[in-house]
Amino acid sequence: NSLKPEDTAVYYCAADPGARICVLRASSYGTDYWGKG
């Protein structure tokens, strides 16, 4: 909501199988578990 021009980007989702918590660190998500954006 309340989107701003600086929100413009390609958005990707990534999964960490086996994880019960989440982190906002790209290196925690294996290269095989990313969408194409």
PDB file of all heavy atoms in Angstrom:
ATOM      1  N   ASN A   1       0.834  -1.195   0.000  1.00  0.00           N
ATOM      2  CA  ASN A   1       0.000   0.000   0.000  1.00  0.00           C
ATOM      3  C   ASN A   1       0.872   1.248   0.000  1.00  0.00           C
ATOM      4  O   ASN A   1       2.064   1.193   0.310  1.00  0.00           O
ATOM      5  CB  ASN A   1      -0.919   0.010   1.219  1.00  0.00           C
ATOM      6  CG  ASN A   1      -1.880  -1.156   1.256  1.00  0.00           C
ATOM      7  OD1 ASN A   1      -2.343  -1.627   0.210  1.00  0.00           O
ATOM      8  ND2 ASN A   1      -2.191  -1.630   2.448  1.00  0.00           N
ATOM      9  N   SER A   2       0.261   2.363  -0.322  1.00  0.00           N
ATOM     10  CA  SER A   2       0.964   3.654  -0.314  1.00  0.00           C
ATOM     11  C   SER A   2       2.282   3.568  -1.067  1.00  0.00           C
ATOM     12  O   SER A   2       3.337   4.003  -0.578  1.00  0.00           O
ATOM     13  CB  SER A   2       1.205   4.108   1.134  1.00  0.00           C
ATOM     14  OG  SER A   2      -0.009   4.211   1.842  1.00  0.00           O
ATOM     15  N   LEU A   3       2.224   3.011  -2.236  1.00  0.00           N
ATOM     16  CA  LEU A   3       3.441   2.786  -3.003  1.00  0.00           C
ATOM     17  C   LEU A   3       4.105   4.080  -3.422  1.00  0.00           C
ATOM     18  O   LEU A   3       3.423   5.089  -3.700  1.00  0.00           O
ATOM     19  CB  LEU A   3       3.134   1.922  -4.227  1.00  0.00           C
ATOM     20  CG  LEU A   3       2.953   0.436  -3.901  1.00  0.00           C
ATOM     21  CD1 LEU A   3       2.238  -0.293  -5.020  1.00  0.00           C
ATOM     22  CD2 LEU A   3       4.304  -0.217  -3.631  1.00  0.00           C
ATOM     23  N   LYS A   4       5.419   4.040  -3.449  1.00  0.00           N
ATOM     24  CA  LYS A   4       6.222   5.205  -3.790  1.00  0.00           C
ATOM     25  C   LYS A   4       7.076   4.863  -5.021  1.00  0.00           C
ATOM     26  O   LYS A   4       7.377   3.690  -5.274  1.00  0.00           O
ATOM     27  CB  LYS A   4       7.156   5.553  -2.631  1.00  0.00           C
ATOM     28  CG  LYS A   4       6.458   5.780  -1.307  1.00  0.00           C
ATOM     29  CD  LYS A   4       7.466   5.985  -0.192  1.00  0.00           C
ATOM     30  CE  LYS A   4       6.792   6.188   1.153  1.00  0.00           C
ATOM     31  NZ  LYS A   4       7.783   6.390   2.247  1.00  0.00           N
ATOM     32  N   PRO A   5       7.509   5.865  -5.754  1.00  0.00           N
ATOM     33  CA  PRO A   5       8.378   5.594  -6.909  1.00  0.00           C
ATOM     34  C   PRO A   5       9.623   4.780  -6.520  1.00  0.00           C
ATOM     35  O   PRO A   5      10.091   3.958  -7.330  1.00  0.00           O
ATOM     36  CB  PRO A   5       8.744   6.990  -7.396  1.00  0.00           C
ATOM     37  CG  PRO A   5       7.570   7.836  -7.017  1.00  0.00           C
ATOM     38  CD  PRO A   5       7.116   7.287  -5.686  1.00  0.00           C
ATOM     39  N   GLU A   6      10.125   4.980  -5.334  1.00  0.00           N
ATOM     40  CA  GLU A   6      11.315   4.233  -4.911  1.00  0.00           C
ATOM     41  C   GLU A   6      11.031   2.763  -4.624  1.00  0.00           C
ATOM     42  O   GLU A   6      11.968   1.992  -4.367  1.00  0.00           O
ATOM     43  CB  GLU A   6      11.968   4.888  -3.688  1.00  0.00           C
ATOM     44  CG  GLU A   6      11.025   5.185  -2.544  1.00  0.00           C
ATOM     45  CD  GLU A   6      10.527   6.627  -2.554  1.00  0.00           C
ATOM     46  OE1 GLU A   6      10.173   7.136  -3.647  1.00  0.00           O
ATOM     47  OE2 GLU A   6      10.464   7.221  -1.454  1.00  0.00           O
ATOM     48  N   ASP A   7       9.777   2.357  -4.669  1.00  0.00           N
ATOM     49  CA  ASP A   7       9.440   0.939  -4.555  1.00  0.00           C
ATOM     50  C   ASP A   7       9.575   0.221  -5.891  1.00  0.00           C
ATOM     51  O   ASP A   7       9.439  -1.003  -5.952  1.00  0.00           O
ATOM     52  CB  ASP A   7       8.010   0.759  -4.038  1.00  0.00           C
ATOM     53  CG  ASP A   7       7.836   1.262  -2.615  1.00  0.00           C
ATOM     54  OD1 ASP A   7       8.722   0.988  -1.774  1.00  0.00           O
ATOM     55  OD2 ASP A   7       6.811   1.906  -2.338  1.00  0.00           O
ATOM     56  N   THR A   8       9.829   0.971  -6.941  1.00  0.00           N
ATOM     57  CA  THR A   8       9.994   0.362  -8.260  1.00  0.00           C
ATOM     58  C   THR A   8      11.184  -0.578  -8.268  1.00  0.00           C
ATOM     59  O   THR A   8      12.300  -0.190  -7.887  1.00  0.00           O
ATOM     60  CB  THR A   8      10.187   1.465  -9.318  1.00  0.00           C
ATOM     61  OG1 THR A   8       8.997   2.241  -9.411  1.00  0.00           O
ATOM     62  CG2 THR A   8      10.503   0.855 -10.679  1.00  0.00           C
ATOM     63  N   ALA A   9      10.932  -1.815  -8.661  1.00  0.00           N
ATOM     64  CA  ALA A   9      11.980  -2.838  -8.653  1.00  0.00           C
ATOM     65  C   ALA A   9      11.412  -4.141  -9.200  1.00  0.00           C
ATOM     66  O   ALA A   9      10.195  -4.281  -9.362  1.00  0.00           O
ATOM     67  CB  ALA A   9      12.501  -3.067  -7.235  1.00  0.00           C
ATOM     68  N   VAL A  10      12.306  -5.071  -9.455  1.00  0.00           N
ATOM     69  CA  VAL A  10      11.881  -6.445  -9.680  1.00  0.00           C
ATOM     70  C   VAL A  10      11.800  -7.114  -8.308  1.00  0.00           C
ATOM     71  O   VAL A  10      12.756  -7.046  -7.524  1.00  0.00           O
ATOM     72  CB  VAL A  10      12.862  -7.198 -10.585  1.00  0.00           C
ATOM     73  CG1 VAL A  10      12.424  -8.657 -10.755  1.00  0.00           C
ATOM     74  CG2 VAL A  10      12.948  -6.513 -11.956  1.00  0.00           C
ATOM     75  N   TYR A  11      10.675  -7.713  -8.030  1.00  0.00           N
ATOM     76  CA  TYR A  11      10.438  -8.360  -6.745  1.00  0.00           C
ATOM     77  C   TYR A  11      10.570  -9.868  -6.913  1.00  0.00           C
ATOM     78  O   TYR A  11       9.966 -10.454  -7.819  1.00  0.00           O
ATOM     79  CB  TYR A  11       9.050  -8.001  -6.223  1.00  0.00           C
ATOM     80  CG  TYR A  11       8.981  -6.606  -5.656  1.00  0.00           C
ATOM     81  CD1 TYR A  11       9.036  -5.494  -6.497  1.00  0.00           C
ATOM     82  CD2 TYR A  11       8.878  -6.387  -4.277  1.00  0.00           C
ATOM     83  CE1 TYR A  11       8.995  -4.204  -5.969  1.00  0.00           C
ATOM     84  CE2 TYR A  11       8.830  -5.104  -3.744  1.00  0.00           C
ATOM     85  CZ  TYR A  11       8.895  -4.024  -4.603  1.00  0.00           C
ATOM     86  OH  TYR A  11       8.853  -2.748  -4.081  1.00  0.00           O
ATOM     87  N   TYR A  12      11.342 -10.455  -6.033  1.00  0.00           N
ATOM     88  CA  TYR A  12      11.584 -11.887  -6.051  1.00  0.00           C
ATOM     89  C   TYR A  12      11.121 -12.503  -4.735  1.00  0.00           C
ATOM     90  O   TYR A  12      11.267 -11.902  -3.676  1.00  0.00           O
ATOM     91  CB  TYR A  12      13.082 -12.183  -6.182  1.00  0.00           C
ATOM     92  CG  TYR A  12      13.753 -11.606  -7.391  1.00  0.00           C
ATOM     93  CD1 TYR A  12      14.279 -10.316  -7.376  1.00  0.00           C
ATOM     94  CD2 TYR A  12      13.898 -12.361  -8.559  1.00  0.00           C
ATOM     95  CE1 TYR A  12      14.922  -9.783  -8.486  1.00  0.00           C
ATOM     96  CE2 TYR A  12      14.545 -11.834  -9.663  1.00  0.00           C
ATOM     97  CZ  TYR A  12      15.046 -10.545  -9.621  1.00  0.00           C
ATOM     98  OH  TYR A  12      15.683 -10.030 -10.728  1.00  0.00           O
ATOM     99  N   CYS A  13      10.615 -13.736  -4.815  1.00  0.00           N
ATOM    100  CA  CYS A  13      10.406 -14.471  -3.583  1.00  0.00           C
ATOM    101  C   CYS A  13      11.429 -15.605  -3.509  1.00  0.00           C
ATOM    102  O   CYS A  13      11.901 -16.093  -4.548  1.00  0.00           O
ATOM    103  CB  CYS A  13       8.993 -14.995  -3.457  1.00  0.00           C
ATOM    104  SG  CYS A  13       8.448 -16.186  -4.691  1.00  0.00           S
ATOM    105  N   ALA A  14      11.770 -15.955  -2.312  1.00  0.00           N
ATOM    106  CA  ALA A  14      12.758 -16.999  -2.068  1.00  0.00           C
ATOM    107  C   ALA A  14      12.287 -17.850  -0.894  1.00  0.00           C
ATOM    108  O   ALA A  14      11.616 -17.360   0.003  1.00  0.00           O
ATOM    109  CB  ALA A  14      14.122 -16.380  -1.758  1.00  0.00           C
ATOM    110  N   ALA A  15      12.632 -19.127  -0.944  1.00  0.00           N
ATOM    111  CA  ALA A  15      12.210 -20.061   0.098  1.00  0.00           C
ATOM    112  C   ALA A  15      13.411 -20.652   0.811  1.00  0.00           C
ATOM    113  O   ALA A  15      14.481 -20.841   0.220  1.00  0.00           O
ATOM    114  CB  ALA A  15      11.370 -21.179  -0.517  1.00  0.00           C
ATOM    115  N   ASP A  16      13.211 -20.939   2.069  1.00  0.00           N
ATOM    116  CA  ASP A  16      14.222 -21.622   2.872  1.00  0.00           C
ATOM    117  C   ASP A  16      13.578 -22.886   3.428  1.00  0.00           C
ATOM    118  O   ASP A  16      12.997 -22.868   4.519  1.00  0.00           O
ATOM    119  CB  ASP A  16      14.716 -20.709   3.992  1.00  0.00           C
ATOM    120  CG  ASP A  16      15.884 -21.319   4.746  1.00  0.00           C
ATOM    121  OD1 ASP A  16      16.318 -22.435   4.391  1.00  0.00           O
ATOM    122  OD2 ASP A  16      16.369 -20.679   5.702  1.00  0.00           O
ATOM    123  N   PRO A  17      13.639 -23.998   2.653  1.00  0.00           N
ATOM    124  CA  PRO A  17      13.011 -25.236   3.109  1.00  0.00           C
ATOM    125  C   PRO A  17      13.639 -25.735   4.395  1.00  0.00           C
ATOM    126  O   PRO A  17      14.856 -25.708   4.559  1.00  0.00           O
ATOM    127  CB  PRO A  17      13.275 -26.212   1.958  1.00  0.00           C
ATOM    128  CG  PRO A  17      13.518 -25.347   0.777  1.00  0.00           C
ATOM    129  CD  PRO A  17      14.206 -24.129   1.322  1.00  0.00           C
ATOM    130  N   GLY A  18      12.801 -26.140   5.295  1.00  0.00           N
ATOM    131  CA  GLY A  18      13.286 -26.651   6.555  1.00  0.00           C
ATOM    132  C   GLY A  18      13.434 -25.603   7.627  1.00  0.00           C
ATOM    133  O   GLY A  18      13.696 -25.923   8.787  1.00  0.00           O
ATOM    134  N   ALA A  19      13.233 -24.343   7.262  1.00  0.00           N
ATOM    135  CA  ALA A  19      13.397 -23.265   8.238  1.00  0.00           C
ATOM    136  C   ALA A  19      12.062 -22.920   8.872  1.00  0.00           C
ATOM    137  O   ALA A  19      11.058 -22.798   8.175  1.00  0.00           O
ATOM    138  CB  ALA A  19      13.981 -22.032   7.575  1.00  0.00           C
ATOM    139  N   ARG A  20      12.052 -22.754  10.152  1.00  0.00           N
ATOM    140  CA  ARG A  20      10.831 -22.357  10.849  1.00  0.00           C
ATOM    141  C   ARG A  20      10.835 -20.880  11.207  1.00  0.00           C
ATOM    142  O   ARG A  20       9.834 -20.365  11.688  1.00  0.00           O
ATOM    143  CB  ARG A  20      10.634 -23.201  12.089  1.00  0.00           C
ATOM    144  CG  ARG A  20      10.523 -24.678  11.781  1.00  0.00           C
ATOM    145  CD  ARG A  20      10.007 -25.464  12.953  1.00  0.00           C
ATOM    146  NE  ARG A  20      10.026 -26.898  12.677  1.00  0.00           N
ATOM    147  CZ  ARG A  20       9.175 -27.749  13.214  1.00  0.00           C
ATOM    148  NH1 ARG A  20       8.247 -27.336  14.035  1.00  0.00           N
ATOM    149  NH2 ARG A  20       9.253 -29.033  12.928  1.00  0.00           N
ATOM    150  N   ILE A  21      11.951 -20.222  11.005  1.00  0.00           N
ATOM    151  CA  ILE A  21      11.993 -18.774  11.178  1.00  0.00           C
ATOM    152  C   ILE A  21      12.414 -18.175   9.853  1.00  0.00           C
ATOM    153  O   ILE A  21      12.764 -18.892   8.914  1.00  0.00           O
ATOM    154  CB  ILE A  21      12.972 -18.352  12.297  1.00  0.00           C
ATOM    155  CG1 ILE A  21      14.409 -18.740  11.915  1.00  0.00           C
ATOM    156  CG2 ILE A  21      12.564 -18.961  13.618  1.00  0.00           C
ATOM    157  CD1 ILE A  21      15.444 -18.164  12.863  1.00  0.00           C
ATOM    158  N   CYS A  22      12.349 -16.873   9.742  1.00  0.00           N
ATOM    159  CA  CYS A  22      12.748 -16.230   8.491  1.00  0.00           C
ATOM    160  C   CYS A  22      13.759 -15.128   8.765  1.00  0.00           C
ATOM    161  O   CYS A  22      13.786 -14.559   9.855  1.00  0.00           O
ATOM    162  CB  CYS A  22      11.528 -15.659   7.752  1.00  0.00           C
ATOM    163  SG  CYS A  22      10.795 -14.183   8.492  1.00  0.00           S
ATOM    164  N   VAL A  23      14.581 -14.857   7.776  1.00  0.00           N
ATOM    165  CA  VAL A  23      15.559 -13.774   7.861  1.00  0.00           C
ATOM    166  C   VAL A  23      15.561 -12.998   6.558  1.00  0.00           C
ATOM    167  O   VAL A  23      15.244 -13.546   5.499  1.00  0.00           O
ATOM    168  CB  VAL A  23      16.983 -14.307   8.132  1.00  0.00           C
ATOM    169  CG1 VAL A  23      17.053 -14.933   9.519  1.00  0.00           C
ATOM    170  CG2 VAL A  23      17.411 -15.307   7.072  1.00  0.00           C
ATOM    171  N   LEU A  24      15.913 -11.737   6.645  1.00  0.00           N
ATOM    172  CA  LEU A  24      15.965 -10.894   5.445  1.00  0.00           C
ATOM    173  C   LEU A  24      17.400 -10.784   4.946  1.00  0.00           C
ATOM    174  O   LEU A  24      17.953  -9.709   4.797  1.00  0.00           O
ATOM    175  CB  LEU A  24      15.402  -9.500   5.753  1.00  0.00           C
ATOM    176  CG  LEU A  24      13.894  -9.412   5.875  1.00  0.00           C
ATOM    177  CD1 LEU A  24      13.469  -7.999   6.246  1.00  0.00           C
ATOM    178  CD2 LEU A  24      13.222  -9.834   4.581  1.00  0.00           C
ATOM    179  N   ARG A  25      17.971 -11.941   4.697  1.00  0.00           N
ATOM    180  CA  ARG A  25      19.344 -12.025   4.224  1.00  0.00           C
ATOM    181  C   ARG A  25      19.365 -12.963   3.040  1.00  0.00           C
ATOM    182  O   ARG A  25      19.091 -14.151   3.164  1.00  0.00           O
ATOM    183  CB  ARG A  25      20.259 -12.508   5.346  1.00  0.00           C
ATOM    184  CG  ARG A  25      21.728 -12.497   5.022  1.00  0.00           C
ATOM    185  CD  ARG A  25      22.567 -12.833   6.252  1.00  0.00           C
ATOM    186  NE  ARG A  25      22.237 -14.129   6.795  1.00  0.00           N
ATOM    187  CZ  ARG A  25      21.687 -14.324   7.991  1.00  0.00           C
ATOM    188  NH1 ARG A  25      21.401 -13.289   8.754  1.00  0.00           N
ATOM    189  NH2 ARG A  25      21.428 -15.538   8.429  1.00  0.00           N
ATOM    190  N   ALA A  26      19.722 -12.424   1.889  1.00  0.00           N
ATOM    191  CA  ALA A  26      19.638 -13.200   0.645  1.00  0.00           C
ATOM    192  C   ALA A  26      20.498 -14.461   0.702  1.00  0.00           C
ATOM    193  O   ALA A  26      20.139 -15.495   0.135  1.00  0.00           O
ATOM    194  CB  ALA A  26      20.036 -12.337  -0.539  1.00  0.00           C
ATOM    195  N   SER A  27      21.616 -14.398   1.391  1.00  0.00           N
ATOM    196  CA  SER A  27      22.523 -15.540   1.428  1.00  0.00           C
ATOM    197  C   SER A  27      21.943 -16.727   2.182  1.00  0.00           C
ATOM    198  O   SER A  27      22.463 -17.841   2.084  1.00  0.00           O
ATOM    199  CB  SER A  27      23.861 -15.125   2.059  1.00  0.00           C
ATOM    200  OG  SER A  27      23.660 -14.648   3.374  1.00  0.00           O
ATOM    201  N   SER A  28      20.871 -16.513   2.921  1.00  0.00           N
ATOM    202  CA  SER A  28      20.234 -17.603   3.652  1.00  0.00           C
ATOM    203  C   SER A  28      19.334 -18.455   2.765  1.00  0.00           C
ATOM    204  O   SER A  28      18.846 -19.485   3.201  1.00  0.00           O
ATOM    205  CB  SER A  28      19.411 -17.052   4.823  1.00  0.00           C
ATOM    206  OG  SER A  28      20.246 -16.436   5.772  1.00  0.00           O
ATOM    207  N   TYR A  29      19.122 -17.996   1.551  1.00  0.00           N
ATOM    208  CA  TYR A  29      18.218 -18.692   0.641  1.00  0.00           C
ATOM    209  C   TYR A  29      19.037 -19.281  -0.506  1.00  0.00           C
ATOM    210  O   TYR A  29      19.698 -18.559  -1.246  1.00  0.00           O
ATOM    211  CB  TYR A  29      17.148 -17.723   0.134  1.00  0.00           C
ATOM    212  CG  TYR A  29      16.309 -17.181   1.277  1.00  0.00           C
ATOM    213  CD1 TYR A  29      16.743 -16.081   2.006  1.00  0.00           C
ATOM    214  CD2 TYR A  29      15.122 -17.799   1.657  1.00  0.00           C
ATOM    215  CE1 TYR A  29      16.007 -15.603   3.087  1.00  0.00           C
ATOM    216  CE2 TYR A  29      14.380 -17.323   2.722  1.00  0.00           C
ATOM    217  CZ  TYR A  29      14.834 -16.227   3.439  1.00  0.00           C
ATOM    218  OH  TYR A  29      14.110 -15.760   4.500  1.00  0.00           O
ATOM    219  N   GLY A  30      18.971 -20.594  -0.637  1.00  0.00           N
ATOM    220  CA  GLY A  30      19.757 -21.273  -1.647  1.00  0.00           C
ATOM    221  C   GLY A  30      19.389 -20.831  -3.051  1.00  0.00           C
ATOM    222  O   GLY A  30      18.250 -20.455  -3.337  1.00  0.00           O
ATOM    223  N   THR A  31      20.364 -20.907  -3.931  1.00  0.00           N
ATOM    224  CA  THR A  31      20.166 -20.413  -5.289  1.00  0.00           C
ATOM    225  C   THR A  31      19.076 -21.172  -6.039  1.00  0.00           C
ATOM    226  O   THR A  31      18.519 -20.672  -7.013  1.00  0.00           O
ATOM    227  CB  THR A  31      21.474 -20.493  -6.086  1.00  0.00           C
ATOM    228  OG1 THR A  31      21.985 -21.827  -6.020  1.00  0.00           O
ATOM    229  CG2 THR A  31      22.514 -19.525  -5.516  1.00  0.00           C
ATOM    230  N   ASP A  32      18.779 -22.384  -5.589  1.00  0.00           N
ATOM    231  CA  ASP A  32      17.744 -23.173  -6.266  1.00  0.00           C
ATOM    232  C   ASP A  32      16.339 -22.810  -5.823  1.00  0.00           C
ATOM    233  O   ASP A  32      15.365 -23.352  -6.347  1.00  0.00           O
ATOM    234  CB  ASP A  32      17.967 -24.665  -5.996  1.00  0.00           C
ATOM    235  CG  ASP A  32      19.179 -25.202  -6.718  1.00  0.00           C
ATOM    236  OD1 ASP A  32      19.622 -24.563  -7.689  1.00  0.00           O
ATOM    237  OD2 ASP A  32      19.687 -26.262  -6.302  1.00  0.00           O
ATOM    238  N   TYR A  33      16.207 -21.892  -4.876  1.00  0.00           N
ATOM    239  CA  TYR A  33      14.897 -21.619  -4.303  1.00  0.00           C
ATOM    240  C   TYR A  33      14.492 -20.171  -4.454  1.00  0.00           C
ATOM    241  O   TYR A  33      14.014 -19.529  -3.518  1.00  0.00           O
ATOM    242  CB  TYR A  33      14.892 -22.026  -2.823  1.00  0.00           C
ATOM    243  CG  TYR A  33      15.135 -23.499  -2.631  1.00  0.00           C
ATOM    244  CD1 TYR A  33      16.359 -23.967  -2.162  1.00  0.00           C
ATOM    245  CD2 TYR A  33      14.149 -24.420  -2.959  1.00  0.00           C
ATOM    246  CE1 TYR A  33      16.574 -25.320  -1.993  1.00  0.00           C
ATOM    247  CE2 TYR A  33      14.368 -25.780  -2.790  1.00  0.00           C
ATOM    248  CZ  TYR A  33      15.574 -26.212  -2.310  1.00  0.00           C
ATOM    249  OH  TYR A  33      15.799 -27.551  -2.147  1.00  0.00           O
ATOM    250  N   TRP A  34      14.685 -19.658  -5.650  1.00  0.00           N
ATOM    251  CA  TRP A  34      14.268 -18.305  -5.976  1.00  0.00           C
ATOM    252  C   TRP A  34      13.332 -18.344  -7.171  1.00  0.00           C
ATOM    253  O   TRP A  34      13.493 -19.151  -8.084  1.00  0.00           O
ATOM    254  CB  TRP A  34      15.480 -17.443  -6.353  1.00  0.00           C
ATOM    255  CG  TRP A  34      16.345 -17.074  -5.188  1.00  0.00           C
ATOM    256  CD1 TRP A  34      17.258 -17.874  -4.565  1.00  0.00           C
ATOM    257  CD2 TRP A  34      16.399 -15.813  -4.534  1.00  0.00           C
ATOM    258  NE1 TRP A  34      17.873 -17.189  -3.551  1.00  0.00           N
ATOM    259  CE2 TRP A  34      17.376 -15.924  -3.507  1.00  0.00           C
ATOM    260  CE3 TRP A  34      15.743 -14.605  -4.695  1.00  0.00           C
ATOM    261  CZ2 TRP A  34      17.682 -14.852  -2.650  1.00  0.00           C
ATOM    262  CZ3 TRP A  34      16.052 -13.551  -3.853  1.00  0.00           C
ATOM    263  CH2 TRP A  34      17.009 -13.682  -2.845  1.00  0.00           C
ATOM    264  N   GLY A  35      12.348 -17.437  -7.172  1.00  0.00           N
ATOM    265  CA  GLY A  35      11.550 -17.256  -8.370  1.00  0.00           C
ATOM    266  C   GLY A  35      12.276 -16.371  -9.361  1.00  0.00           C
ATOM    267  O   GLY A  35      13.366 -15.864  -9.087  1.00  0.00           O
ATOM    268  N   LYS A  36      11.663 -16.186 -10.504  1.00  0.00           N
ATOM    269  CA  LYS A  36      12.292 -15.385 -11.556  1.00  0.00           C
ATOM    270  C   LYS A  36      11.981 -13.901 -11.453  1.00  0.00           C
ATOM    271  O   LYS A  36      12.564 -13.095 -12.171  1.00  0.00           O
ATOM    272  CB  LYS A  36      11.867 -15.920 -12.929  1.00  0.00           C
ATOM    273  CG  LYS A  36      12.368 -17.335 -13.186  1.00  0.00           C
ATOM    274  CD  LYS A  36      12.084 -17.774 -14.605  1.00  0.00           C
ATOM    275  CE  LYS A  36      12.550 -19.206 -14.826  1.00  0.00           C
ATOM    276  NZ  LYS A  36      13.988 -19.359 -14.576  1.00  0.00           N
ATOM    277  N   GLY A  37      11.061 -13.546 -10.584  1.00  0.00           N
ATOM    278  CA  GLY A  37      10.790 -12.137 -10.323  1.00  0.00           C
ATOM    279  C   GLY A  37       9.598 -11.593 -11.085  1.00  0.00           C
ATOM    280  O   GLY A  37       9.198 -12.125 -12.123  1.00  0.00           O
TER     281      GLY A  37
END
